[in-house]
Protein backbone atom coordinates (compact mmCIF):
# COMPACT_ATOMS: atom_id res chain seq x y z
CA VAL A 1 0.00 0.00 0.00
CA VAL A 2 1.37 3.41 -0.99
CA PHE A 3 0.39 6.36 1.19
CA PRO A 4 0.54 10.02 0.15
CA GLN A 5 3.73 11.68 1.32
CA ASN A 6 1.93 14.08 3.68
CA ILE A 7 0.32 11.35 5.82
CA TYR A 8 2.13 10.29 9.00
CA ALA A 9 1.47 7.80 11.77
CA GLY A 10 3.25 6.81 14.91
CA VAL A 11 3.33 5.16 18.30
CA PHE A 12 4.51 6.62 21.61
CA LEU A 13 5.42 4.14 24.36
CA SER A 14 6.38 4.92 27.95
CA ASN A 15 6.34 3.50 31.42
CA VAL A 16 4.19 5.51 33.86
CA GLU A 17 5.17 5.90 37.47
CA LYS A 18 1.93 6.21 39.44
CA PRO A 19 0.85 9.73 38.53
CA TRP A 20 -2.63 9.39 37.12
CA GLY A 21 -4.40 7.16 39.63
CA ALA A 22 -2.95 9.20 42.49
CA VAL A 23 -4.12 12.41 40.83
CA TYR A 24 -7.66 11.39 39.90
CA ASN A 25 -8.20 9.01 42.83
CA GLN A 26 -11.20 7.34 41.20
CA VAL A 27 -10.29 3.69 41.66
CA GLY A 28 -6.90 4.38 43.19
CA GLY A 29 -5.16 2.01 40.82
CA GLU A 30 -1.83 2.55 39.19
CA GLU A 31 -1.30 2.82 35.47
CA ASP A 32 2.02 1.15 34.57
CA PHE A 33 2.29 1.74 30.83
CA GLU A 34 1.20 4.43 28.37
CA TYR A 35 0.87 3.80 24.66
CA ASP A 36 -0.40 6.44 22.27
CA LEU A 37 -1.30 5.98 18.60
CA TYR A 38 -1.55 8.89 16.18
CA LEU A 39 -2.39 9.54 12.55
CA GLY A 40 -2.18 12.88 10.80
CA TYR A 41 -1.93 14.82 7.59
CA ARG A 42 0.41 17.77 6.94
CA PHE A 43 -0.36 20.32 4.24
CA SER A 44 0.98 23.65 3.02
CA ALA A 45 -0.46 26.81 1.50
CA GLY A 46 1.55 26.15 -1.67
CA PRO A 47 4.65 24.37 -2.97
CA GLU A 48 7.02 27.15 -1.87
CA SER A 49 5.02 28.20 1.20
CA ALA A 50 6.71 28.50 4.59
CA VAL A 51 3.29 28.12 6.25
CA THR A 52 2.05 24.59 6.93
CA GLY A 53 -0.97 23.01 8.56
CA ASP A 54 -1.46 19.78 10.45
CA VAL A 55 -4.64 17.85 11.26
CA GLY A 56 -4.83 14.52 13.04
CA ILE A 57 -6.16 12.19 15.68
CA ILE A 58 -4.40 10.70 18.70
CA ARG A 59 -5.46 8.00 21.15
CA TYR A 60 -3.90 8.16 24.64
CA SER A 61 -4.09 4.72 26.29
CA PHE A 62 -2.96 3.25 29.62
CA ASP A 63 -2.43 -0.33 30.77
CA PRO A 64 -3.81 -1.26 33.11
CA ASP A 65 -6.46 1.48 33.10
CA PRO A 66 -8.38 1.12 36.39
CA ASP A 67 -9.26 4.84 36.45
CA GLU A 68 -10.58 4.79 32.84
CA LEU A 69 -8.24 7.56 31.72
CA THR A 70 -7.93 6.53 28.06
CA TRP A 71 -9.14 9.19 25.62
CA THR A 72 -9.09 10.23 21.96
CA GLU A 73 -8.59 13.74 20.65
CA ILE A 74 -8.43 15.50 17.31
CA TYR A 75 -6.06 18.39 16.62
CA LEU A 76 -5.51 21.18 14.14
CA GLY A 77 -2.30 23.19 13.94
CA ILE A 78 -0.63 25.85 11.82
CA SER A 79 3.03 26.83 11.73
CA GLY A 80 5.47 29.04 9.91
CA TYR A 81 8.55 31.19 10.45
CA GLY A 82 9.40 29.47 13.73
CA ALA A 83 5.98 30.02 15.32
CA SER A 84 3.13 27.55 15.68
CA ALA A 85 -0.33 27.29 17.22
CA LYS A 86 -2.44 24.21 17.87
CA LEU A 87 -5.95 23.39 19.07
CA SER A 88 -6.67 19.92 20.52
CA GLN A 89 -10.19 18.73 21.40
CA ARG A 90 -11.21 15.55 23.23
CA VAL A 91 -13.78 13.57 21.20
CA ALA A 92 -14.09 10.30 23.17
CA GLY A 93 -13.09 8.65 26.42
CA ALA A 94 -11.97 10.27 29.66
CA ASP A 95 -13.09 13.84 30.31
CA GLN A 96 -10.13 15.98 29.29
CA GLY A 97 -11.29 19.12 27.47
CA THR A 98 -9.80 21.56 25.00
CA TYR A 99 -6.15 22.58 24.87
CA ILE A 100 -4.71 25.55 22.97
CA GLU A 101 -0.99 26.13 22.65
CA ALA A 102 1.56 28.40 21.02
CA ARG A 103 5.25 27.70 20.46
CA TYR A 104 8.26 29.49 19.07
CA THR A 105 11.40 27.63 18.03
CA GLY A 106 14.71 29.06 16.95
CA SER A 107 18.40 28.40 16.74
CA ALA A 108 21.48 29.87 18.34
CA GLY A 109 23.55 29.07 15.28
CA GLU A 110 25.64 25.92 15.56
CA LEU A 111 25.41 25.94 19.37
CA PHE A 112 21.85 24.71 20.07
CA ASP A 113 18.18 25.04 19.19
CA TYR A 114 15.59 26.43 21.60
CA SER A 115 11.84 26.32 22.11
CA LEU A 116 9.38 28.47 24.08
CA HIS A 117 5.89 27.11 24.77
CA ALA A 118 2.67 28.35 26.41
CA GLY A 119 -0.59 26.44 26.65
CA HIS A 120 -3.99 26.66 28.30
CA PHE A 121 -6.36 23.80 29.15
CA PHE A 122 -10.14 24.29 29.36
CA LEU A 123 -11.19 21.15 31.21
CA ASP A 124 -14.42 19.17 30.93
CA ILE A 125 -14.66 18.43 34.65
CA ASP A 126 -13.86 20.33 37.81
CA LEU A 127 -11.26 18.61 39.99
CA ARG A 128 -10.08 20.14 43.27
CA GLU A 129 -12.05 23.32 42.40
CA THR A 130 -10.08 23.82 39.17
CA ASP A 131 -11.49 23.65 35.64
CA ALA A 132 -8.65 25.36 33.74
CA TYR A 133 -4.89 25.85 34.00
CA SER A 134 -1.89 27.11 32.03
CA ASP A 135 1.49 25.52 31.39
CA PHE A 136 4.78 26.82 30.04
CA SER A 137 8.13 25.38 28.99
CA LEU A 138 11.57 26.45 27.87
CA GLY A 139 13.83 23.94 26.15
CA VAL A 140 17.23 23.67 24.53
CA SER A 141 18.37 20.86 22.25
CA LYS A 142 21.36 19.73 20.25
CA THR A 143 21.58 17.04 17.57
CA ILE A 144 24.81 15.06 17.61
CA LYS A 145 25.45 12.25 15.10
CA GLY A 146 21.73 11.79 14.43
CA PHE A 147 20.71 11.71 18.11
CA LYS A 148 18.80 14.62 19.64
CA LEU A 149 19.61 15.60 23.22
CA ASP A 150 16.89 17.79 24.75
CA LEU A 151 16.67 19.56 28.14
CA THR A 152 13.33 21.21 28.94
CA TYR A 153 12.04 23.06 32.01
CA PHE A 154 8.26 22.67 32.55
CA ILE A 155 6.12 25.03 34.67
CA ASN A 156 2.40 24.88 35.56
CA ASP A 157 0.47 27.78 37.03
CA GLN A 158 -1.01 27.47 40.53
CA ASP A 159 -4.33 26.11 39.19
CA GLY A 160 -2.45 23.29 37.45
CA GLU A 161 -0.51 22.49 40.61
CA ASP A 162 -3.71 22.56 42.70
CA ARG A 163 -5.44 20.19 40.26
CA TYR A 164 -2.64 17.69 39.60
CA LEU A 165 -0.66 17.95 42.86
CA GLU A 166 2.95 16.71 42.69
CA VAL A 167 2.57 15.59 39.05
CA ALA A 168 2.39 19.30 38.09
CA GLU A 169 5.41 20.51 40.04
CA ASP A 170 8.04 22.42 38.08
CA ARG A 171 10.65 20.07 36.67
CA PHE A 172 13.50 19.54 34.25
CA VAL A 173 13.21 16.71 31.71
CA LEU A 174 16.23 15.34 29.85
CA SER A 175 15.60 13.17 26.79
CA LEU A 176 17.54 11.47 24.05
CA SER A 177 15.77 10.61 20.78
CA LYS A 178 16.46 9.25 17.31
CA ASN A 179 14.11 9.38 14.30
CA PHE A 180 13.98 6.56 11.77
CA SER A 181 12.52 6.57 8.27
CA LEU A 182 10.77 3.51 6.86
CA ARG A 183 11.41 4.56 3.26
């Protein structure tokens, strides 16, 4: 089967260390594993356009899922000239809500790349007297021999910390990634 060049799909896999059940406290169980599946389509305003769009669907899943946190959302994004904006809307599963975000990425020459992010969540349900919160991040990255090393600092506003407790505390995240092409 040959797919158009602009279609993409992927899988995200991760272990989960007890955040969600402790946060939602519905069943009190612990999710051990997260696996997300996504499918999308990228498009541009024209063959030489620096402005692109992105539409897709993603399914966030947990195993086991005693708190029934699995959900599906659709998203629509636009980007160009280092800036991007995205709207994500839950369409099935756990009550999550609508998320809007903006990002700016740039480069400090050969030294490193950087990213600034701001987002706001309008939530479907009130938890701990909070139905909305904002998050922010600042990251730096460097690609070395095909591997990307990324250090990001994440911040949630007080509403986010009140809602999600220790899961929402400010933190640094260090990651190492490598992309592969199936072509």
